[in-house]
C-alpha atoms as a PDB file:
ATOM      1  CA  MET A   1       2.804 -15.761  -4.525  1.00  0.00           C
ATOM      2  CA  LYS A   2       3.326 -13.594  -1.455  1.00  0.00           C
ATOM      3  CA  PHE A   3       3.676 -10.526  -3.686  1.00  0.00           C
ATOM      4  CA  LEU A   4       0.326 -11.289  -5.350  1.00  0.00           C
ATOM      5  CA  PHE A   5      -1.264 -11.974  -1.959  1.00  0.00           C
ATOM      6  CA  ASP A   6      -0.070  -8.607  -0.618  1.00  0.00           C
ATOM      7  CA  LEU A   7      -1.237  -6.916  -3.824  1.00  0.00           C
ATOM      8  CA  PHE A   8      -4.728  -8.428  -3.604  1.00  0.00           C
ATOM      9  CA  PRO A   9      -6.496  -5.392  -1.999  1.00  0.00           C
ATOM     10  CA  VAL A  10      -4.808  -2.958  -4.422  1.00  0.00           C
ATOM     11  CA  ILE A  11      -5.943  -4.931  -7.455  1.00  0.00           C
ATOM     12  CA  LEU A  12      -9.506  -5.122  -6.129  1.00  0.00           C
ATOM     13  CA  PHE A  13      -9.475  -1.363  -5.473  1.00  0.00           C
ATOM     14  CA  PHE A  14      -8.380  -0.660  -9.042  1.00  0.00           C
ATOM     15  CA  VAL A  15     -10.846  -3.075 -10.664  1.00  0.00           C
ATOM     16  CA  THR A  16     -13.780  -1.840  -8.549  1.00  0.00           C
ATOM     17  CA  PHE A  17     -12.929   1.818  -9.164  1.00  0.00           C
ATOM     18  CA  LYS A  18     -12.675   1.303 -12.922  1.00  0.00           C
ATOM     19  CA  TRP A  19     -15.970  -0.586 -12.965  1.00  0.00           C
ATOM     20  CA  GLY A  20     -17.623   2.145 -10.895  1.00  0.00           C
ATOM     21  CA  GLU A  21     -16.396   4.851 -13.259  1.00  0.00           C
ATOM     22  CA  GLY A  22     -18.031   3.045 -16.154  1.00  0.00           C
ATOM     23  CA  HIS A  23     -21.230   2.321 -14.239  1.00  0.00           C
ATOM     24  CA  ILE A  24     -21.870   5.406 -12.111  1.00  0.00           C
ATOM     25  CA  PRO A  25     -25.622   4.782 -11.480  1.00  0.00           C
ATOM     26  CA  ALA A  26     -24.969   1.180 -10.438  1.00  0.00           C
ATOM     27  CA  ALA A  27     -22.070   2.217  -8.228  1.00  0.00           C
ATOM     28  CA  GLN A  28     -24.186   4.916  -6.572  1.00  0.00           C
ATOM     29  CA  SER A  29     -26.976   2.396  -6.011  1.00  0.00           C
ATOM     30  CA  LEU A  30     -24.563   0.000  -4.275  1.00  0.00           C
ATOM     31  CA  VAL A  31     -23.152   2.815  -2.138  1.00  0.00           C
ATOM     32  CA  GLU A  32     -26.640   3.879  -1.050  1.00  0.00           C
ATOM     33  CA  LYS A  33     -27.658   0.288  -0.347  1.00  0.00           C
ATOM     34  CA  TYR A  34     -24.623  -0.917   1.580  1.00  0.00           C
ATOM     35  CA  LEU A  35     -22.720   2.159   2.780  1.00  0.00           C
ATOM     36  CA  SER A  36     -25.352   4.774   3.613  1.00  0.00           C
ATOM     37  CA  THR A  37     -25.294   3.641   7.256  1.00  0.00           C
ATOM     38  CA  PHE A  38     -21.579   4.414   7.468  1.00  0.00           C
ATOM     39  CA  VAL A  39     -21.664   7.721   5.564  1.00  0.00           C
ATOM     40  CA  SER A  40     -22.027  10.933   7.529  1.00  0.00           C
ATOM     41  CA  GLY A  41     -25.452  12.328   6.658  1.00  0.00           C
ATOM     42  CA  GLY A  42     -26.435   9.077   4.972  1.00  0.00           C
ATOM     43  CA  MET A  43     -25.832  10.369   1.432  1.00  0.00           C
ATOM     44  CA  SER A  44     -22.821  11.139  -0.745  1.00  0.00           C
ATOM     45  CA  GLU A  45     -22.177  12.857  -4.057  1.00  0.00           C
ATOM     46  CA  THR A  46     -22.765  10.663  -7.100  1.00  0.00           C
ATOM     47  CA  GLU A  47     -19.324  11.382  -8.552  1.00  0.00           C
ATOM     48  CA  LEU A  48     -17.735   9.918  -5.416  1.00  0.00           C
ATOM     49  CA  ALA A  49     -19.544   6.595  -5.730  1.00  0.00           C
ATOM     50  CA  PRO A  50     -16.679   4.778  -7.554  1.00  0.00           C
ATOM     51  CA  ILE A  51     -14.023   5.757  -5.006  1.00  0.00           C
ATOM     52  CA  LEU A  52     -16.292   4.993  -2.025  1.00  0.00           C
ATOM     53  CA  LEU A  53     -17.241   1.613  -3.428  1.00  0.00           C
ATOM     54  CA  ALA A  54     -13.616   0.770  -4.258  1.00  0.00           C
ATOM     55  CA  THR A  55     -12.555   1.806  -0.757  1.00  0.00           C
ATOM     56  CA  ALA A  56     -15.225  -0.369   0.851  1.00  0.00           C
ATOM     57  CA  VAL A  57     -14.147  -3.373  -1.233  1.00  0.00           C
ATOM     58  CA  THR A  58     -10.532  -2.765  -0.201  1.00  0.00           C
ATOM     59  CA  LEU A  59     -11.491  -2.680   3.474  1.00  0.00           C
ATOM     60  CA  VAL A  60     -13.298  -6.004   3.162  1.00  0.00           C
ATOM     61  CA  ALA A  61     -10.412  -7.511   1.159  1.00  0.00           C
ATOM     62  CA  SER A  62      -7.900  -6.398   3.797  1.00  0.00           C
ATOM     63  CA  ILE A  63      -9.977  -7.935   6.587  1.00  0.00           C
ATOM     64  CA  VAL A  64     -10.260 -11.200   4.630  1.00  0.00           C
ATOM     65  CA  GLN A  65      -6.510 -11.099   3.941  1.00  0.00           C
ATOM     66  CA  ILE A  66      -5.528 -10.744   7.601  1.00  0.00           C
ATOM     67  CA  THR A  67      -8.205 -13.180   8.814  1.00  0.00           C
ATOM     68  CA  SER A  68      -7.083 -15.877   6.379  1.00  0.00           C
ATOM     69  CA  LEU A  69      -3.536 -15.671   7.726  1.00  0.00           C
ATOM     70  CA  LEU A  70      -4.661 -15.787  11.339  1.00  0.00           C
ATOM     71  CA  VAL A  71      -7.021 -18.724  10.731  1.00  0.00           C
ATOM     72  CA  ARG A  72      -4.213 -20.655   9.041  1.00  0.00           C
ATOM     73  CA  ARG A  73      -1.901 -19.646  11.904  1.00  0.00           C
ATOM     74  CA  LYS A  74       0.478 -17.936   9.534  1.00  0.00           C
ATOM     75  CA  THR A  75       2.705 -15.083  10.631  1.00  0.00           C
ATOM     76  CA  VAL A  76       1.347 -11.632   9.769  1.00  0.00           C
ATOM     77  CA  ASP A  77       4.472  -9.551   9.223  1.00  0.00           C
ATOM     78  CA  ALA A  78       4.769  -6.063  10.686  1.00  0.00           C
ATOM     79  CA  MET A  79       4.498  -4.291   7.318  1.00  0.00           C
ATOM     80  CA  LEU A  80       1.200  -6.029   6.569  1.00  0.00           C
ATOM     81  CA  TRP A  81      -0.152  -5.063  10.003  1.00  0.00           C
ATOM     82  CA  ILE A  82       0.849  -1.446   9.419  1.00  0.00           C
ATOM     83  CA  SER A  83      -0.824  -1.476   6.008  1.00  0.00           C
ATOM     84  CA  PHE A  84      -3.971  -3.006   7.499  1.00  0.00           C
ATOM     85  CA  ILE A  85      -4.261  -0.426  10.274  1.00  0.00           C
ATOM     86  CA  ILE A  86      -3.685   2.490   7.912  1.00  0.00           C
ATOM     87  CA  ILE A  87      -6.241   1.304   5.336  1.00  0.00           C
ATOM     88  CA  MET A  88      -8.784   0.769   8.110  1.00  0.00           C
ATOM     89  CA  VAL A  89      -8.281   4.302   9.453  1.00  0.00           C
ATOM     90  CA  PHE A  90      -8.008   6.201   6.178  1.00  0.00           C
ATOM     91  CA  GLY A  91     -10.469   4.000   4.300  1.00  0.00           C
ATOM     92  CA  GLY A  92     -12.993   4.335   7.102  1.00  0.00           C
ATOM     93  CA  ALA A  93     -12.540   8.120   7.119  1.00  0.00           C
ATOM     94  CA  THR A  94     -13.015   8.210   3.330  1.00  0.00           C
ATOM     95  CA  ILE A  95     -16.383   6.491   3.619  1.00  0.00           C
ATOM     96  CA  TYR A  96     -17.604   8.301   6.718  1.00  0.00           C
ATOM     97  CA  PHE A  97     -16.707  11.789   5.497  1.00  0.00           C
ATOM     98  CA  HIS A  98     -17.416  10.814   1.840  1.00  0.00           C
ATOM     99  CA  SER A  99     -14.173  12.463   0.781  1.00  0.00           C
ATOM    100  CA  ASP A 100     -11.456  10.957  -1.414  1.00  0.00           C
ATOM    101  CA  THR A 101      -8.791  13.073   0.319  1.00  0.00           C
ATOM    102  CA  PHE A 102      -8.224  10.443   3.010  1.00  0.00           C
ATOM    103  CA  ILE A 103      -7.774   7.464   0.690  1.00  0.00           C
ATOM    104  CA  LYS A 104      -5.428   9.523  -1.494  1.00  0.00           C
ATOM    105  CA  TRP A 105      -3.266  10.251   1.534  1.00  0.00           C
ATOM    106  CA  LYS A 106      -3.219   6.599   2.579  1.00  0.00           C
ATOM    107  CA  PRO A 107      -0.343   5.408   0.305  1.00  0.00           C
ATOM    108  CA  THR A 108       1.806   8.368   1.351  1.00  0.00           C
ATOM    109  CA  VAL A 109       1.237   7.730   5.055  1.00  0.00           C
ATOM    110  CA  LEU A 110       2.039   4.039   4.502  1.00  0.00           C
ATOM    111  CA  TYR A 111       5.206   4.780   2.513  1.00  0.00           C
ATOM    112  CA  TRP A 112       6.418   7.321   5.048  1.00  0.00           C
ATOM    113  CA  CYS A 113       5.725   4.931   7.930  1.00  0.00           C
ATOM    114  CA  TYR A 114       7.940   2.386   6.182  1.00  0.00           C
ATOM    115  CA  CYS A 115      10.574   5.067   5.590  1.00  0.00           C
ATOM    116  CA  GLY A 116      10.469   6.078   9.246  1.00  0.00           C
ATOM    117  CA  ALA A 117      10.727   2.453  10.373  1.00  0.00           C
ATOM    118  CA  PHE A 118      13.886   1.897   8.317  1.00  0.00           C
ATOM    119  CA  LEU A 119      15.517   5.099   9.562  1.00  0.00           C
ATOM    120  CA  LEU A 120      14.579   4.585  13.211  1.00  0.00           C
ATOM    121  CA  ALA A 121      15.762   0.995  13.146  1.00  0.00           C
ATOM    122  CA  GLN A 122      19.104   1.911  11.585  1.00  0.00           C
ATOM    123  CA  PHE A 123      19.991   5.111  13.413  1.00  0.00           C
ATOM    124  CA  ILE A 124      18.196   4.795  16.746  1.00  0.00           C
ATOM    125  CA  PHE A 125      17.996   1.066  17.453  1.00  0.00           C
ATOM    126  CA  ARG A 126      21.104   0.137  15.433  1.00  0.00           C
ATOM    127  CA  LYS A 127      19.219  -2.597  13.630  1.00  0.00           C
ATOM    128  CA  ASN A 128      19.113  -3.167   9.879  1.00  0.00           C
ATOM    129  CA  LEU A 129      15.634  -4.399   8.882  1.00  0.00           C
ATOM    130  CA  ILE A 130      16.724  -5.590   5.442  1.00  0.00           C
ATOM    131  CA  ARG A 131      19.572  -7.567   6.960  1.00  0.00           C
ATOM    132  CA  THR A 132      17.207  -9.151   9.474  1.00  0.00           C
ATOM    133  CA  VAL A 133      15.067 -10.499   6.657  1.00  0.00           C
ATOM    134  CA  MET A 134      17.716 -11.402   4.079  1.00  0.00           C
ATOM    135  CA  GLU A 135      20.831 -12.404   5.999  1.00  0.00           C
ATOM    136  CA  ALA A 136      19.850 -16.076   6.089  1.00  0.00           C
ATOM    137  CA  GLN A 137      19.821 -16.155   2.285  1.00  0.00           C
ATOM    138  CA  VAL A 138      22.732 -13.886   1.326  1.00  0.00           C
ATOM    139  CA  LYS A 139      25.936 -12.518   2.785  1.00  0.00           C
ATOM    140  CA  LEU A 140      26.846  -8.886   2.170  1.00  0.00           C
ATOM    141  CA  PRO A 141      29.488  -6.501   3.498  1.00  0.00           C
ATOM    142  CA  GLU A 142      28.348  -4.370   6.432  1.00  0.00           C
ATOM    143  CA  GLN A 143      28.470  -1.163   4.407  1.00  0.00           C
ATOM    144  CA  VAL A 144      26.299  -2.653   1.674  1.00  0.00           C
ATOM    145  CA  TRP A 145      23.635  -3.611   4.198  1.00  0.00           C
ATOM    146  CA  SER A 146      23.565   0.028   5.319  1.00  0.00           C
ATOM    147  CA  TYR A 147      23.313   1.281   1.732  1.00  0.00           C
ATOM    148  CA  LEU A 148      20.496  -1.169   1.091  1.00  0.00           C
ATOM    149  CA  SER A 149      18.505   0.035   4.100  1.00  0.00           C
ATOM    150  CA  LEU A 150      18.987   3.691   3.146  1.00  0.00           C
ATOM    151  CA  ALA A 151      18.010   2.927  -0.446  1.00  0.00           C
ATOM    152  CA  TRP A 152      14.675   1.496   0.713  1.00  0.00           C
ATOM    153  CA  ALA A 153      14.078   4.403   3.095  1.00  0.00           C
ATOM    154  CA  THR A 154      14.748   6.846   0.250  1.00  0.00           C
ATOM    155  CA  TYR A 155      12.519   4.885  -2.113  1.00  0.00           C
ATOM    156  CA  PHE A 156       9.588   4.963   0.312  1.00  0.00           C
ATOM    157  CA  PHE A 157      10.035   8.680   0.967  1.00  0.00           C
ATOM    158  CA  VAL A 158      10.128   9.519  -2.750  1.00  0.00           C
ATOM    159  CA  MET A 159       7.132   7.306  -3.526  1.00  0.00           C
ATOM    160  CA  GLY A 160       5.155   8.961  -0.723  1.00  0.00           C
ATOM    161  CA  ALA A 161       5.924  12.424  -2.070  1.00  0.00           C
ATOM    162  CA  LEU A 162       5.174  11.334  -5.631  1.00  0.00           C
ATOM    163  CA  ASN A 163       1.814   9.906  -4.563  1.00  0.00           C
ATOM    164  CA  ILE A 164       0.773  13.257  -3.038  1.00  0.00           C
ATOM    165  CA  TRP A 165       1.821  15.121  -6.164  1.00  0.00           C
ATOM    166  CA  VAL A 166      -0.157  12.810  -8.475  1.00  0.00           C
ATOM    167  CA  ALA A 167      -3.161  12.614  -6.128  1.00  0.00           C
ATOM    168  CA  PHE A 168      -3.714  16.355  -5.857  1.00  0.00           C
ATOM    169  CA  HIS A 169      -2.487  17.609  -9.225  1.00  0.00           C
ATOM    170  CA  PHE A 170      -4.233  15.097 -11.481  1.00  0.00           C
ATOM    171  CA  SER A 171      -7.618  13.407 -11.758  1.00  0.00           C
ATOM    172  CA  THR A 172      -8.682  10.588  -9.444  1.00  0.00           C
ATOM    173  CA  ASP A 173      -8.564   8.254 -12.437  1.00  0.00           C
ATOM    174  CA  THR A 174      -4.910   9.149 -13.096  1.00  0.00           C
ATOM    175  CA  TRP A 175      -4.113   8.657  -9.421  1.00  0.00           C
ATOM    176  CA  ALA A 176      -5.747   5.210  -9.398  1.00  0.00           C
ATOM    177  CA  ASN A 177      -3.666   4.231 -12.441  1.00  0.00           C
ATOM    178  CA  PHE A 178      -0.502   5.477 -10.732  1.00  0.00           C
ATOM    179  CA  LYS A 179      -1.396   3.583  -7.541  1.00  0.00           C
ATOM    180  CA  LEU A 180      -1.546   0.302  -9.464  1.00  0.00           C
ATOM    181  CA  ILE A 181       1.503   1.029 -11.633  1.00  0.00           C
ATOM    182  CA  SER A 182       3.592   1.866  -8.579  1.00  0.00           C
ATOM    183  CA  MET A 183       2.827  -1.573  -7.127  1.00  0.00           C
ATOM    184  CA  VAL A 184       3.098  -3.778 -10.218  1.00  0.00           C
ATOM    185  CA  GLY A 185       5.684  -1.764 -12.142  1.00  0.00           C
ATOM    186  CA  ILE A 186       7.789   0.697 -10.163  1.00  0.00           C
ATOM    187  CA  THR A 187       8.388  -1.403  -7.047  1.00  0.00           C
ATOM    188  CA  PRO A 188       9.387  -4.581  -8.956  1.00  0.00           C
ATOM    189  CA  ALA A 189      11.635  -2.470 -11.206  1.00  0.00           C
ATOM    190  CA  PHE A 190      13.333  -0.989  -8.136  1.00  0.00           C
ATOM    191  CA  ILE A 191      13.911  -4.475  -6.757  1.00  0.00           C
ATOM    192  CA  VAL A 192      15.392  -5.690 -10.069  1.00  0.00           C
ATOM    193  CA  VAL A 193      17.776  -2.728 -10.340  1.00  0.00           C
ATOM    194  CA  GLN A 194      18.787  -3.219  -6.720  1.00  0.00           C
ATOM    195  CA  SER A 195      19.384  -6.938  -7.289  1.00  0.00           C
ATOM    196  CA  LEU A 196      21.635  -6.205 -10.270  1.00  0.00           C
ATOM    197  CA  PHE A 197      23.663  -3.789  -8.166  1.00  0.00           C
ATOM    198  CA  LEU A 198      23.982  -6.271  -5.313  1.00  0.00           C
ATOM    199  CA  SER A 199      24.774  -9.301  -7.463  1.00  0.00           C
ATOM    200  CA  LYS A 200      28.534  -8.728  -7.294  1.00  0.00           C
ATOM    201  CA  TYR A 201      28.440  -8.711  -3.494  1.00  0.00           C
ATOM    202  CA  MET A 202      26.063 -11.574  -2.911  1.00  0.00           C
ATOM    203  CA  GLU A 203      27.329 -14.944  -1.792  1.00  0.00           C
ATOM    204  CA  GLU A 204      25.215 -17.977  -1.123  1.00  0.00           C
ATOM    205  CA  ALA A 205      24.954 -18.694   2.590  1.00  0.00           C
ATOM    206  CA  GLU A 206      26.497 -21.974   3.606  1.00  0.00           C
END
């Protein structure tokens, strides 16, 4: 359930973008009606309407997501806060400057922030973030915890680089597809492969 909750803004972005691509005049009308105040110059190119509309929906979804947790007095984990801040900054810039460059950079900045957090925690602060989260559930040798942290740091770095390559070498439609696939396909697959590797080390905590 938490995975689906975290994925909520991404799914809405994808659905809204796909709808906008198939209904350009309607998307442009919505952009002019609701976003013209926030767009530099008050107008934007028609072909950008789907991405601007999808970005706006994602901003609203992210605000609702964080607000719902705060209202219910649930803990908002650090990664969700980082994601929220980055989507606010890059999503806001996308709408204001009516340019899809910012929103295309957003996943890479997010991935590389995660990568940096893992590396800083492990090598500067001598703290293993994965161990902090998982140690209550499983017991692993010290070296395996280190490998696990480095594996996640490497994964985030590679995904960030891959996002930039897809974003600026292929169409926006292809990038949007990749953005969704990376969340619902690549990331779960990475977790499964990692779990299979770790299974021989894992012991149930007493």
